[in-house]
Amino acid sequence: MIRVLIADDQEVLAEGIGSVLSASSEIEVIGTAKNGEEAVRKTKELVPDVVLMDIRMPVMNGVIATREIKDALPDVKVLVLTTFDDSDYILGAINNGASGYLLKDTSASALIDAVRNAFLGDTILPAKIARRITDAARLVANDREIRLKRAASFSDRETEIALMICDGFTNKQIASALKLTDGTARNYISAIYEKLCCGSRTEAVQKMRELLGTE
């Protein structure tokens, strides 16, 4: 039996979700919470297998509540269920350990399947949500490129290689990925070091992280 706690500040919706889940012989709804703080407290008391977590709730929102639950009880799965498909909330919930993200217009059968799959360890990301995450990640990548290129006066190719260095790629991996000879890759990397006024990879990575605001 999969034990579920529902956290939603709208009582009618919480009752409706509970009714849908209770129709499954595999699921037992063991409690509800009206805000994030109560969700954290009840999760610690009841230790459900899965928490269905709304995002926008009073006292404490679902993103913060997800983090606190995962910090205290890493094995509890948190499945975010909301009407809001904002990419910031999506990324925030996933980064804080949520097992997935569903919109409240999800069908009854899909909701039951999502709870079951989250319990089994799967990540639940419907296509619409996955597209939002991909788009947000692309914006972050583009922002990194623009900021680094401007800060260090890199060419397009130097910016590409510099970001790969930041992400831990070796010289050989960079050459292979970009279809460059080892010598050409080394020349680009030397030019990057020179523009950063650095003498080593460790120093260059540190400098680039400072420029990107990630240190």
N, C-alpha and C. Protein backbone atom coordinates (compact mmCIF):
# COMPACT_ATOMS: atom_id res chain seq x y z
N MET A 1 0.84 -1.19 0.00
CA MET A 1 0.00 0.00 0.00
C MET A 1 0.88 1.25 0.00
N ILE A 2 0.58 2.20 -0.89
CA ILE A 2 1.33 3.45 -0.99
C ILE A 2 0.62 4.50 -0.14
N ARG A 3 1.31 4.99 0.89
CA ARG A 3 0.72 5.95 1.82
C ARG A 3 1.01 7.37 1.34
N VAL A 4 -0.07 8.16 1.18
CA VAL A 4 0.05 9.48 0.55
C VAL A 4 -0.46 10.58 1.48
N LEU A 5 0.30 11.68 1.55
CA LEU A 5 -0.13 12.90 2.22
C LEU A 5 -0.38 13.95 1.15
N ILE A 6 -1.51 14.67 1.24
CA ILE A 6 -1.86 15.70 0.27
C ILE A 6 -1.70 17.07 0.91
N ALA A 7 -0.90 17.93 0.30
CA ALA A 7 -0.70 19.30 0.81
C ALA A 7 -1.28 20.28 -0.19
N ASP A 8 -2.38 20.92 0.18
CA ASP A 8 -3.06 21.88 -0.70
C ASP A 8 -3.90 22.80 0.15
N ASP A 9 -3.77 24.12 -0.07
CA ASP A 9 -4.52 25.06 0.76
C ASP A 9 -5.99 25.17 0.36
N GLN A 10 -6.36 24.58 -0.77
CA GLN A 10 -7.76 24.59 -1.20
C GLN A 10 -8.40 23.26 -0.81
N GLU A 11 -9.23 23.32 0.23
CA GLU A 11 -9.78 22.10 0.83
C GLU A 11 -10.57 21.26 -0.16
N VAL A 12 -11.35 21.93 -1.02
CA VAL A 12 -12.17 21.20 -1.98
C VAL A 12 -11.29 20.40 -2.94
N LEU A 13 -10.22 21.03 -3.41
CA LEU A 13 -9.30 20.33 -4.31
C LEU A 13 -8.61 19.17 -3.61
N ALA A 14 -8.19 19.40 -2.37
CA ALA A 14 -7.54 18.33 -1.61
C ALA A 14 -8.47 17.14 -1.45
N GLU A 15 -9.75 17.42 -1.17
CA GLU A 15 -10.73 16.34 -1.01
C GLU A 15 -10.94 15.60 -2.33
N GLY A 16 -10.98 16.38 -3.43
CA GLY A 16 -11.16 15.75 -4.74
C GLY A 16 -10.00 14.86 -5.12
N ILE A 17 -8.79 15.34 -4.86
CA ILE A 17 -7.59 14.54 -5.15
C ILE A 17 -7.59 13.29 -4.28
N GLY A 18 -7.97 13.47 -3.02
CA GLY A 18 -8.03 12.33 -2.10
C GLY A 18 -9.00 11.28 -2.58
N SER A 19 -10.14 11.71 -3.08
CA SER A 19 -11.15 10.77 -3.58
C SER A 19 -10.64 9.99 -4.79
N VAL A 20 -9.96 10.71 -5.67
CA VAL A 20 -9.39 10.05 -6.86
C VAL A 20 -8.39 8.99 -6.46
N LEU A 21 -7.48 9.35 -5.56
CA LEU A 21 -6.43 8.42 -5.15
C LEU A 21 -6.98 7.23 -4.37
N SER A 22 -7.99 7.51 -3.53
CA SER A 22 -8.57 6.44 -2.70
C SER A 22 -9.31 5.40 -3.53
N ALA A 23 -9.62 5.74 -4.78
CA ALA A 23 -10.29 4.79 -5.67
C ALA A 23 -9.35 3.66 -6.09
N SER A 24 -8.04 3.89 -5.90
CA SER A 24 -7.06 2.86 -6.23
C SER A 24 -6.82 1.98 -5.01
N SER A 25 -6.83 0.67 -5.24
CA SER A 25 -6.60 -0.28 -4.14
C SER A 25 -5.15 -0.26 -3.65
N GLU A 26 -4.28 0.40 -4.41
CA GLU A 26 -2.86 0.45 -4.05
C GLU A 26 -2.50 1.65 -3.18
N ILE A 27 -3.43 2.61 -3.05
CA ILE A 27 -3.10 3.89 -2.41
C ILE A 27 -3.98 4.15 -1.20
N GLU A 28 -3.35 4.65 -0.13
CA GLU A 28 -4.07 5.06 1.07
C GLU A 28 -3.71 6.51 1.38
N VAL A 29 -4.71 7.39 1.41
CA VAL A 29 -4.48 8.79 1.78
C VAL A 29 -4.49 8.87 3.30
N ILE A 30 -3.34 9.24 3.90
CA ILE A 30 -3.21 9.19 5.36
C ILE A 30 -3.34 10.56 6.01
N GLY A 31 -3.47 11.63 5.21
CA GLY A 31 -3.62 12.94 5.81
C GLY A 31 -3.58 14.05 4.78
N THR A 32 -3.93 15.25 5.23
CA THR A 32 -3.85 16.45 4.39
C THR A 32 -3.18 17.57 5.17
N ALA A 33 -2.67 18.56 4.43
CA ALA A 33 -2.05 19.74 5.04
C ALA A 33 -2.49 20.96 4.25
N LYS A 34 -2.68 22.09 4.96
CA LYS A 34 -3.20 23.30 4.32
C LYS A 34 -2.12 24.32 3.97
N ASN A 35 -0.90 24.07 4.36
CA ASN A 35 0.21 24.95 3.99
C ASN A 35 1.52 24.16 4.07
N GLY A 36 2.60 24.78 3.58
CA GLY A 36 3.87 24.08 3.53
C GLY A 36 4.42 23.70 4.88
N GLU A 37 4.25 24.58 5.85
CA GLU A 37 4.75 24.30 7.20
C GLU A 37 4.04 23.09 7.80
N GLU A 38 2.73 23.03 7.61
CA GLU A 38 1.97 21.89 8.11
C GLU A 38 2.35 20.61 7.35
N ALA A 39 2.64 20.76 6.07
CA ALA A 39 3.05 19.59 5.26
C ALA A 39 4.35 19.01 5.80
N VAL A 40 5.30 19.88 6.15
CA VAL A 40 6.57 19.41 6.71
C VAL A 40 6.33 18.70 8.04
N ARG A 41 5.54 19.32 8.91
CA ARG A 41 5.29 18.75 10.23
C ARG A 41 4.58 17.40 10.13
N LYS A 42 3.54 17.33 9.29
CA LYS A 42 2.79 16.07 9.17
C LYS A 42 3.60 14.98 8.48
N THR A 43 4.46 15.38 7.56
CA THR A 43 5.33 14.39 6.92
C THR A 43 6.26 13.75 7.95
N LYS A 44 6.79 14.57 8.84
CA LYS A 44 7.68 14.04 9.89
C LYS A 44 6.90 13.14 10.86
N GLU A 45 5.64 13.50 11.11
CA GLU A 45 4.83 12.71 12.05
C GLU A 45 4.35 11.39 11.42
N LEU A 46 3.87 11.46 10.18
CA LEU A 46 3.20 10.32 9.55
C LEU A 46 4.12 9.50 8.64
N VAL A 47 5.19 10.10 8.17
CA VAL A 47 6.15 9.47 7.25
C VAL A 47 5.43 8.75 6.09
N PRO A 48 4.79 9.51 5.23
CA PRO A 48 4.13 8.91 4.06
C PRO A 48 5.17 8.42 3.05
N ASP A 49 4.72 7.64 2.10
CA ASP A 49 5.61 7.23 1.01
C ASP A 49 5.73 8.34 -0.03
N VAL A 50 4.60 9.02 -0.26
CA VAL A 50 4.55 10.08 -1.27
C VAL A 50 3.80 11.28 -0.71
N VAL A 51 4.34 12.48 -0.94
CA VAL A 51 3.62 13.72 -0.61
C VAL A 51 3.22 14.38 -1.92
N LEU A 52 1.92 14.66 -2.08
CA LEU A 52 1.45 15.45 -3.21
C LEU A 52 1.46 16.90 -2.76
N MET A 53 2.32 17.70 -3.36
CA MET A 53 2.62 19.03 -2.83
C MET A 53 2.16 20.14 -3.78
N ASP A 54 1.24 21.00 -3.30
CA ASP A 54 0.90 22.20 -4.05
C ASP A 54 2.08 23.18 -3.95
N ILE A 55 2.16 24.14 -4.88
CA ILE A 55 3.28 25.08 -4.88
C ILE A 55 2.96 26.35 -4.11
N ARG A 56 1.90 27.03 -4.50
CA ARG A 56 1.59 28.32 -3.88
C ARG A 56 0.63 28.11 -2.70
N MET A 57 1.23 28.12 -1.51
CA MET A 57 0.46 27.93 -0.28
C MET A 57 0.88 28.98 0.73
N PRO A 58 0.01 29.32 1.68
CA PRO A 58 0.38 30.29 2.71
C PRO A 58 1.41 29.73 3.69
N VAL A 59 2.01 30.61 4.46
CA VAL A 59 2.98 30.30 5.51
C VAL A 59 4.32 29.84 4.93
N MET A 60 4.29 28.78 4.12
CA MET A 60 5.50 28.26 3.48
C MET A 60 5.10 27.68 2.14
N ASN A 61 5.79 28.08 1.06
CA ASN A 61 5.39 27.54 -0.25
C ASN A 61 5.91 26.12 -0.45
N GLY A 62 5.44 25.51 -1.52
CA GLY A 62 5.76 24.10 -1.76
C GLY A 62 7.20 23.82 -2.10
N VAL A 63 7.89 24.80 -2.70
CA VAL A 63 9.30 24.60 -3.05
C VAL A 63 10.14 24.47 -1.78
N ILE A 64 9.92 25.39 -0.83
CA ILE A 64 10.67 25.35 0.43
C ILE A 64 10.28 24.12 1.24
N ALA A 65 8.98 23.81 1.26
CA ALA A 65 8.52 22.64 2.00
C ALA A 65 9.13 21.36 1.44
N THR A 66 9.25 21.30 0.12
CA THR A 66 9.88 20.13 -0.52
C THR A 66 11.32 19.97 -0.04
N ARG A 67 12.05 21.08 -0.01
CA ARG A 67 13.45 21.02 0.45
C ARG A 67 13.53 20.54 1.89
N GLU A 68 12.67 21.07 2.76
CA GLU A 68 12.73 20.68 4.17
C GLU A 68 12.36 19.22 4.37
N ILE A 69 11.38 18.75 3.61
CA ILE A 69 11.00 17.34 3.71
C ILE A 69 12.13 16.44 3.23
N LYS A 70 12.75 16.77 2.12
CA LYS A 70 13.82 15.94 1.57
C LYS A 70 15.06 15.97 2.45
N ASP A 71 15.31 17.12 3.10
CA ASP A 71 16.44 17.20 4.03
C ASP A 71 16.21 16.30 5.24
N ALA A 72 14.96 16.28 5.73
CA ALA A 72 14.66 15.51 6.94
C ALA A 72 14.41 14.03 6.64
N LEU A 73 13.73 13.76 5.52
CA LEU A 73 13.33 12.38 5.18
C LEU A 73 13.60 12.13 3.69
N PRO A 74 14.84 11.86 3.33
CA PRO A 74 15.22 11.73 1.92
C PRO A 74 14.45 10.67 1.15
N ASP A 75 13.95 9.63 1.85
CA ASP A 75 13.27 8.54 1.16
C ASP A 75 11.82 8.87 0.80
N VAL A 76 11.26 9.92 1.39
CA VAL A 76 9.89 10.31 1.06
C VAL A 76 9.90 10.96 -0.32
N LYS A 77 8.99 10.50 -1.19
CA LYS A 77 8.89 11.08 -2.53
C LYS A 77 7.93 12.27 -2.49
N VAL A 78 8.33 13.36 -3.11
CA VAL A 78 7.47 14.54 -3.19
C VAL A 78 7.10 14.76 -4.65
N LEU A 79 5.81 14.75 -4.91
CA LEU A 79 5.29 14.94 -6.26
C LEU A 79 4.52 16.26 -6.29
N VAL A 80 5.03 17.22 -7.04
CA VAL A 80 4.43 18.55 -7.08
C VAL A 80 3.21 18.54 -7.98
N LEU A 81 2.10 19.05 -7.44
CA LEU A 81 0.83 19.08 -8.17
C LEU A 81 0.28 20.50 -8.08
N THR A 82 0.16 21.18 -9.21
CA THR A 82 -0.23 22.58 -9.16
C THR A 82 -0.91 23.02 -10.44
N THR A 83 -1.56 24.16 -10.39
CA THR A 83 -2.14 24.77 -11.59
C THR A 83 -1.14 25.66 -12.29
N PHE A 84 -0.01 25.90 -11.67
CA PHE A 84 0.96 26.85 -12.20
C PHE A 84 2.11 26.13 -12.87
N ASP A 85 2.27 26.38 -14.20
CA ASP A 85 3.36 25.71 -14.93
C ASP A 85 4.51 26.67 -15.19
N ASP A 86 4.82 27.48 -14.18
CA ASP A 86 5.92 28.44 -14.26
C ASP A 86 7.25 27.72 -14.16
N SER A 87 8.18 28.02 -15.08
CA SER A 87 9.44 27.27 -15.12
C SER A 87 10.29 27.48 -13.87
N ASP A 88 10.21 28.67 -13.24
CA ASP A 88 10.98 28.89 -12.01
C ASP A 88 10.54 27.93 -10.92
N TYR A 89 9.23 27.74 -10.78
CA TYR A 89 8.72 26.80 -9.78
C TYR A 89 9.10 25.37 -10.14
N ILE A 90 9.01 25.04 -11.42
CA ILE A 90 9.37 23.69 -11.86
C ILE A 90 10.81 23.38 -11.48
N LEU A 91 11.72 24.26 -11.88
CA LEU A 91 13.14 24.03 -11.60
C LEU A 91 13.41 24.05 -10.10
N GLY A 92 12.75 24.96 -9.39
CA GLY A 92 12.95 25.03 -7.94
C GLY A 92 12.54 23.75 -7.25
N ALA A 93 11.39 23.21 -7.63
CA ALA A 93 10.91 21.97 -7.01
C ALA A 93 11.82 20.79 -7.34
N ILE A 94 12.20 20.68 -8.60
CA ILE A 94 13.07 19.57 -9.00
C ILE A 94 14.43 19.68 -8.32
N ASN A 95 14.98 20.89 -8.29
CA ASN A 95 16.29 21.09 -7.65
C ASN A 95 16.25 20.80 -6.16
N ASN A 96 15.10 20.95 -5.55
CA ASN A 96 14.97 20.67 -4.12
C ASN A 96 14.60 19.23 -3.83
N GLY A 97 14.61 18.39 -4.85
CA GLY A 97 14.44 16.96 -4.63
C GLY A 97 13.09 16.37 -4.99
N ALA A 98 12.21 17.16 -5.62
CA ALA A 98 10.90 16.61 -6.00
C ALA A 98 11.08 15.49 -7.02
N SER A 99 10.20 14.50 -6.93
CA SER A 99 10.26 13.36 -7.85
C SER A 99 9.56 13.65 -9.17
N GLY A 100 8.89 14.78 -9.25
CA GLY A 100 8.20 15.10 -10.48
C GLY A 100 7.24 16.24 -10.30
N TYR A 101 6.57 16.56 -11.38
CA TYR A 101 5.74 17.75 -11.43
C TYR A 101 4.52 17.45 -12.30
N LEU A 102 3.33 17.69 -11.76
CA LEU A 102 2.10 17.48 -12.51
C LEU A 102 1.19 18.69 -12.40
N LEU A 103 0.46 18.96 -13.45
CA LEU A 103 -0.54 20.02 -13.40
C LEU A 103 -1.86 19.44 -12.90
N LYS A 104 -2.68 20.30 -12.29
CA LYS A 104 -3.91 19.82 -11.66
C LYS A 104 -4.99 19.40 -12.66
N ASP A 105 -4.76 19.65 -13.94
CA ASP A 105 -5.72 19.15 -14.94
C ASP A 105 -5.38 17.73 -15.40
N THR A 106 -4.41 17.11 -14.71
CA THR A 106 -4.06 15.72 -15.00
C THR A 106 -5.26 14.82 -14.76
N SER A 107 -5.44 13.84 -15.63
CA SER A 107 -6.58 12.92 -15.49
C SER A 107 -6.40 12.05 -14.25
N ALA A 108 -7.52 11.47 -13.79
CA ALA A 108 -7.49 10.62 -12.60
C ALA A 108 -6.53 9.45 -12.78
N SER A 109 -6.59 8.80 -13.92
CA SER A 109 -5.72 7.63 -14.14
C SER A 109 -4.25 8.04 -14.20
N ALA A 110 -3.98 9.21 -14.81
CA ALA A 110 -2.60 9.67 -14.91
C ALA A 110 -2.06 10.05 -13.53
N LEU A 111 -2.92 10.61 -12.68
CA LEU A 111 -2.51 10.97 -11.33
C LEU A 111 -2.16 9.73 -10.51
N ILE A 112 -3.00 8.72 -10.60
CA ILE A 112 -2.73 7.47 -9.88
C ILE A 112 -1.43 6.84 -10.39
N ASP A 113 -1.26 6.82 -11.70
CA ASP A 113 -0.03 6.27 -12.28
C ASP A 113 1.20 7.05 -11.81
N ALA A 114 1.06 8.38 -11.74
CA ALA A 114 2.18 9.22 -11.33
C ALA A 114 2.58 8.93 -9.89
N VAL A 115 1.60 8.77 -9.01
CA VAL A 115 1.90 8.45 -7.61
C VAL A 115 2.59 7.09 -7.52
N ARG A 116 2.08 6.14 -8.26
CA ARG A 116 2.68 4.80 -8.26
C ARG A 116 4.11 4.84 -8.78
N ASN A 117 4.31 5.56 -9.88
CA ASN A 117 5.65 5.61 -10.48
C ASN A 117 6.64 6.40 -9.63
N ALA A 118 6.15 7.46 -8.99
CA ALA A 118 7.02 8.22 -8.09
C ALA A 118 7.45 7.34 -6.92
N PHE A 119 6.52 6.57 -6.38
CA PHE A 119 6.82 5.64 -5.29
C PHE A 119 7.90 4.64 -5.71
N LEU A 120 7.87 4.24 -6.98
CA LEU A 120 8.84 3.26 -7.49
C LEU A 120 10.18 3.90 -7.85
N GLY A 121 10.24 5.24 -7.76
CA GLY A 121 11.52 5.91 -7.99
C GLY A 121 11.66 6.62 -9.32
N ASP A 122 10.59 6.66 -10.11
CA ASP A 122 10.66 7.33 -11.40
C ASP A 122 10.53 8.85 -11.23
N THR A 123 11.03 9.59 -12.20
CA THR A 123 10.83 11.04 -12.24
C THR A 123 9.65 11.33 -13.15
N ILE A 124 8.68 12.09 -12.66
CA ILE A 124 7.45 12.35 -13.39
C ILE A 124 7.51 13.74 -14.02
N LEU A 125 7.68 13.77 -15.33
CA LEU A 125 7.72 15.05 -16.04
C LEU A 125 6.95 14.93 -17.35
N PRO A 126 5.70 15.34 -17.36
CA PRO A 126 4.93 15.31 -18.61
C PRO A 126 5.60 16.14 -19.69
N ALA A 127 5.28 15.88 -20.94
CA ALA A 127 5.96 16.54 -22.06
C ALA A 127 5.91 18.06 -21.95
N LYS A 128 4.76 18.60 -21.54
CA LYS A 128 4.62 20.05 -21.43
C LYS A 128 5.61 20.62 -20.42
N ILE A 129 5.77 19.92 -19.29
CA ILE A 129 6.69 20.36 -18.25
C ILE A 129 8.13 20.20 -18.70
N ALA A 130 8.43 19.07 -19.36
CA ALA A 130 9.79 18.83 -19.84
C ALA A 130 10.22 19.93 -20.81
N ARG A 131 9.29 20.38 -21.65
CA ARG A 131 9.62 21.47 -22.58
C ARG A 131 9.96 22.74 -21.83
N ARG A 132 9.23 23.04 -20.76
CA ARG A 132 9.51 24.23 -19.96
C ARG A 132 10.92 24.16 -19.38
N ILE A 133 11.30 22.99 -18.85
CA ILE A 133 12.62 22.83 -18.25
C ILE A 133 13.71 22.99 -19.31
N THR A 134 13.48 22.39 -20.48
CA THR A 134 14.45 22.51 -21.57
C THR A 134 14.62 23.96 -22.00
N ASP A 135 13.50 24.67 -22.11
CA ASP A 135 13.56 26.08 -22.50
C ASP A 135 14.30 26.91 -21.46
N ALA A 136 14.01 26.64 -20.18
CA ALA A 136 14.67 27.39 -19.10
C ALA A 136 16.17 27.11 -19.09
N ALA A 137 16.53 25.84 -19.28
CA ALA A 137 17.96 25.47 -19.30
C ALA A 137 18.66 26.15 -20.47
N ARG A 138 17.97 26.24 -21.61
CA ARG A 138 18.55 26.89 -22.78
C ARG A 138 18.81 28.38 -22.51
N LEU A 139 17.87 29.02 -21.83
CA LEU A 139 18.04 30.43 -21.49
C LEU A 139 19.23 30.63 -20.56
N VAL A 140 19.38 29.71 -19.59
CA VAL A 140 20.51 29.79 -18.67
C VAL A 140 21.82 29.63 -19.43
N ALA A 141 21.85 28.65 -20.35
CA ALA A 141 23.06 28.42 -21.14
C ALA A 141 23.39 29.64 -21.98
N ASN A 142 22.37 30.23 -22.63
CA ASN A 142 22.60 31.41 -23.44
C ASN A 142 23.09 32.57 -22.60
N ASP A 143 22.55 32.70 -21.40
CA ASP A 143 22.96 33.78 -20.51
C ASP A 143 24.42 33.61 -20.11
N ARG A 144 24.84 32.39 -19.83
CA ARG A 144 26.24 32.13 -19.47
C ARG A 144 27.16 32.52 -20.62
N GLU A 145 26.77 32.15 -21.84
CA GLU A 145 27.60 32.45 -23.01
C GLU A 145 27.77 33.95 -23.18
N ILE A 146 26.66 34.67 -23.10
CA ILE A 146 26.70 36.13 -23.29
C ILE A 146 27.56 36.80 -22.23
N ARG A 147 27.36 36.41 -20.98
CA ARG A 147 28.09 37.05 -19.88
C ARG A 147 29.59 36.77 -19.97
N LEU A 148 29.94 35.52 -20.26
CA LEU A 148 31.36 35.17 -20.32
C LEU A 148 32.04 35.81 -21.53
N LYS A 149 31.33 35.81 -22.65
CA LYS A 149 31.91 36.39 -23.87
C LYS A 149 32.19 37.88 -23.67
N ARG A 150 31.25 38.58 -23.06
CA ARG A 150 31.42 40.02 -22.83
C ARG A 150 32.50 40.30 -21.80
N ALA A 151 32.52 39.51 -20.73
CA ALA A 151 33.45 39.78 -19.63
C ALA A 151 34.90 39.54 -20.02
N ALA A 152 35.13 38.53 -20.88
CA ALA A 152 36.51 38.16 -21.21
C ALA A 152 36.90 38.48 -22.65
N SER A 153 35.98 39.07 -23.42
CA SER A 153 36.25 39.39 -24.83
C SER A 153 36.63 38.15 -25.63
N PHE A 154 35.92 37.05 -25.36
CA PHE A 154 36.16 35.81 -26.08
C PHE A 154 35.48 35.83 -27.45
N SER A 155 36.05 35.08 -28.39
CA SER A 155 35.35 34.80 -29.65
C SER A 155 34.27 33.75 -29.37
N ASP A 156 33.42 33.48 -30.36
CA ASP A 156 32.36 32.47 -30.17
C ASP A 156 32.96 31.11 -29.83
N ARG A 157 34.00 30.72 -30.55
CA ARG A 157 34.63 29.42 -30.30
C ARG A 157 35.31 29.39 -28.93
N GLU A 158 35.97 30.46 -28.57
CA GLU A 158 36.62 30.52 -27.26
C GLU A 158 35.58 30.44 -26.14
N THR A 159 34.43 31.09 -26.34
CA THR A 159 33.37 31.03 -25.33
C THR A 159 32.86 29.60 -25.18
N GLU A 160 32.67 28.93 -26.29
CA GLU A 160 32.21 27.54 -26.27
C GLU A 160 33.19 26.65 -25.51
N ILE A 161 34.47 26.80 -25.81
CA ILE A 161 35.49 25.97 -25.16
C ILE A 161 35.64 26.36 -23.69
N ALA A 162 35.56 27.65 -23.40
CA ALA A 162 35.69 28.10 -22.01
C ALA A 162 34.59 27.50 -21.13
N LEU A 163 33.36 27.47 -21.64
CA LEU A 163 32.25 26.88 -20.88
C LEU A 163 32.45 25.38 -20.69
N MET A 164 33.03 24.72 -21.69
CA MET A 164 33.33 23.29 -21.55
C MET A 164 34.39 23.07 -20.48
N ILE A 165 35.38 23.95 -20.45
CA ILE A 165 36.40 23.86 -19.39
C ILE A 165 35.74 24.03 -18.03
N CYS A 166 34.84 25.02 -17.91
CA CYS A 166 34.11 25.24 -16.66
C CYS A 166 33.34 24.00 -16.23
N ASP A 167 32.81 23.28 -17.22
CA ASP A 167 31.98 22.11 -16.94
C ASP A 167 32.80 20.83 -16.75
N GLY A 168 34.14 20.96 -16.77
CA GLY A 168 34.99 19.83 -16.42
C GLY A 168 35.50 18.99 -17.58
N PHE A 169 35.33 19.44 -18.82
CA PHE A 169 35.83 18.67 -19.96
C PHE A 169 37.35 18.76 -20.02
N THR A 170 37.99 17.66 -20.38
CA THR A 170 39.44 17.65 -20.57
C THR A 170 39.76 18.19 -21.97
N ASN A 171 41.05 18.49 -22.20
CA ASN A 171 41.47 18.96 -23.53
C ASN A 171 41.07 17.97 -24.62
N LYS A 172 41.33 16.70 -24.36
CA LYS A 172 41.04 15.67 -25.35
C LYS A 172 39.53 15.57 -25.61
N GLN A 173 38.73 15.66 -24.57
CA GLN A 173 37.28 15.61 -24.74
C GLN A 173 36.77 16.81 -25.52
N ILE A 174 37.36 17.98 -25.27
CA ILE A 174 36.98 19.19 -26.00
C ILE A 174 37.31 19.01 -27.48
N ALA A 175 38.52 18.54 -27.77
CA ALA A 175 38.93 18.35 -29.15
C ALA A 175 38.01 17.36 -29.87
N SER A 176 37.69 16.27 -29.18
CA SER A 176 36.83 15.25 -29.78
C SER A 176 35.42 15.77 -30.03
N ALA A 177 34.85 16.46 -29.04
CA ALA A 177 33.47 16.94 -29.16
C ALA A 177 33.33 17.99 -30.25
N LEU A 178 34.35 18.82 -30.41
CA LEU A 178 34.27 19.92 -31.39
C LEU A 178 34.98 19.58 -32.70
N LYS A 179 35.45 18.33 -32.79
CA LYS A 179 36.14 17.86 -34.00
C LYS A 179 37.34 18.75 -34.36
N LEU A 180 38.16 19.01 -33.35
CA LEU A 180 39.39 19.78 -33.51
C LEU A 180 40.59 18.86 -33.32
N THR A 181 41.73 19.23 -33.89
CA THR A 181 42.95 18.49 -33.56
C THR A 181 43.35 18.86 -32.13
N ASP A 182 44.14 18.00 -31.50
CA ASP A 182 44.59 18.29 -30.14
C ASP A 182 45.35 19.61 -30.09
N GLY A 183 46.17 19.86 -31.12
CA GLY A 183 46.95 21.09 -31.15
C GLY A 183 46.08 22.34 -31.26
N THR A 184 45.04 22.27 -32.10
CA THR A 184 44.13 23.41 -32.26
C THR A 184 43.38 23.68 -30.95
N ALA A 185 42.94 22.61 -30.30
CA ALA A 185 42.24 22.77 -29.02
C ALA A 185 43.16 23.43 -28.00
N ARG A 186 44.44 22.98 -27.96
CA ARG A 186 45.39 23.56 -27.01
C ARG A 186 45.62 25.05 -27.30
N ASN A 187 45.65 25.41 -28.58
CA ASN A 187 45.85 26.81 -28.95
C ASN A 187 44.69 27.68 -28.45
N TYR A 188 43.47 27.18 -28.62
CA TYR A 188 42.30 27.92 -28.13
C TYR A 188 42.36 28.08 -26.61
N ILE A 189 42.73 26.99 -25.95
CA ILE A 189 42.77 27.00 -24.48
C ILE A 189 43.85 27.96 -23.99
N SER A 190 45.00 27.99 -24.68
CA SER A 190 46.06 28.94 -24.32
C SER A 190 45.59 30.38 -24.49
N ALA A 191 44.82 30.63 -25.56
CA ALA A 191 44.29 31.97 -25.79
C ALA A 191 43.30 32.36 -24.69
N ILE A 192 42.51 31.39 -24.24
CA ILE A 192 41.55 31.63 -23.15
C ILE A 192 42.29 32.00 -21.87
N TYR A 193 43.35 31.23 -21.56
CA TYR A 193 44.15 31.52 -20.36
C TYR A 193 44.75 32.92 -20.43
N GLU A 194 45.24 33.27 -21.62
CA GLU A 194 45.89 34.57 -21.79
C GLU A 194 44.89 35.70 -21.56
N LYS A 195 43.67 35.57 -22.12
CA LYS A 195 42.66 36.62 -21.96
C LYS A 195 42.18 36.73 -20.52
N LEU A 196 42.25 35.62 -19.80
CA LEU A 196 41.85 35.63 -18.39
C LEU A 196 43.01 36.00 -17.46
N CYS A 197 44.20 36.13 -18.06
CA CYS A 197 45.42 36.40 -17.27
C CYS A 197 45.64 35.30 -16.23
N CYS A 198 45.49 34.05 -16.69
CA CYS A 198 45.64 32.88 -15.80
C CYS A 198 46.71 31.95 -16.36
N GLY A 199 47.35 31.20 -15.47
CA GLY A 199 48.40 30.30 -15.91
C GLY A 199 48.05 28.83 -15.81
N SER A 200 46.86 28.51 -15.29
CA SER A 200 46.50 27.10 -15.12
C SER A 200 45.00 26.92 -15.29
N ARG A 201 44.59 25.67 -15.51
CA ARG A 201 43.16 25.37 -15.66
C ARG A 201 42.40 25.69 -14.38
N THR A 202 42.97 25.31 -13.24
CA THR A 202 42.29 25.57 -11.97
C THR A 202 42.04 27.06 -11.77
N GLU A 203 43.05 27.85 -12.08
CA GLU A 203 42.94 29.30 -11.93
C GLU A 203 41.92 29.86 -12.93
N ALA A 204 41.92 29.32 -14.16
CA ALA A 204 40.99 29.79 -15.19
C ALA A 204 39.55 29.47 -14.81
N VAL A 205 39.32 28.26 -14.32
CA VAL A 205 37.97 27.87 -13.91
C VAL A 205 37.47 28.77 -12.79
N GLN A 206 38.34 29.04 -11.82
CA GLN A 206 37.98 29.91 -10.71
C GLN A 206 37.61 31.31 -11.21
N LYS A 207 38.42 31.83 -12.13
CA LYS A 207 38.18 33.18 -12.67
C LYS A 207 36.86 33.21 -13.44
N MET A 208 36.60 32.19 -14.26
CA MET A 208 35.36 32.17 -15.05
C MET A 208 34.13 32.03 -14.17
N ARG A 209 34.24 31.26 -13.10
CA ARG A 209 33.12 31.12 -12.17
C ARG A 209 32.84 32.44 -11.47
N GLU A 210 33.88 33.17 -11.18
CA GLU A 210 33.70 34.50 -10.59
C GLU A 210 32.98 35.43 -11.57
N LEU A 211 33.40 35.37 -12.84
CA LEU A 211 32.78 36.21 -13.87
C LEU A 211 31.30 35.84 -14.08
N LEU A 212 30.99 34.55 -13.92
CA LEU A 212 29.63 34.07 -14.11
C LEU A 212 28.78 34.20 -12.85
N GLY A 213 29.44 34.56 -11.75
CA GLY A 213 28.70 34.70 -10.49
C GLY A 213 28.30 33.39 -9.86
N THR A 214 29.06 32.32 -10.16
CA THR A 214 28.73 31.00 -9.58
C THR A 214 29.66 30.63 -8.44
N GLU A 215 30.49 31.56 -8.04
CA GLU A 215 31.39 31.30 -6.90
C GLU A 215 31.12 32.33 -5.81
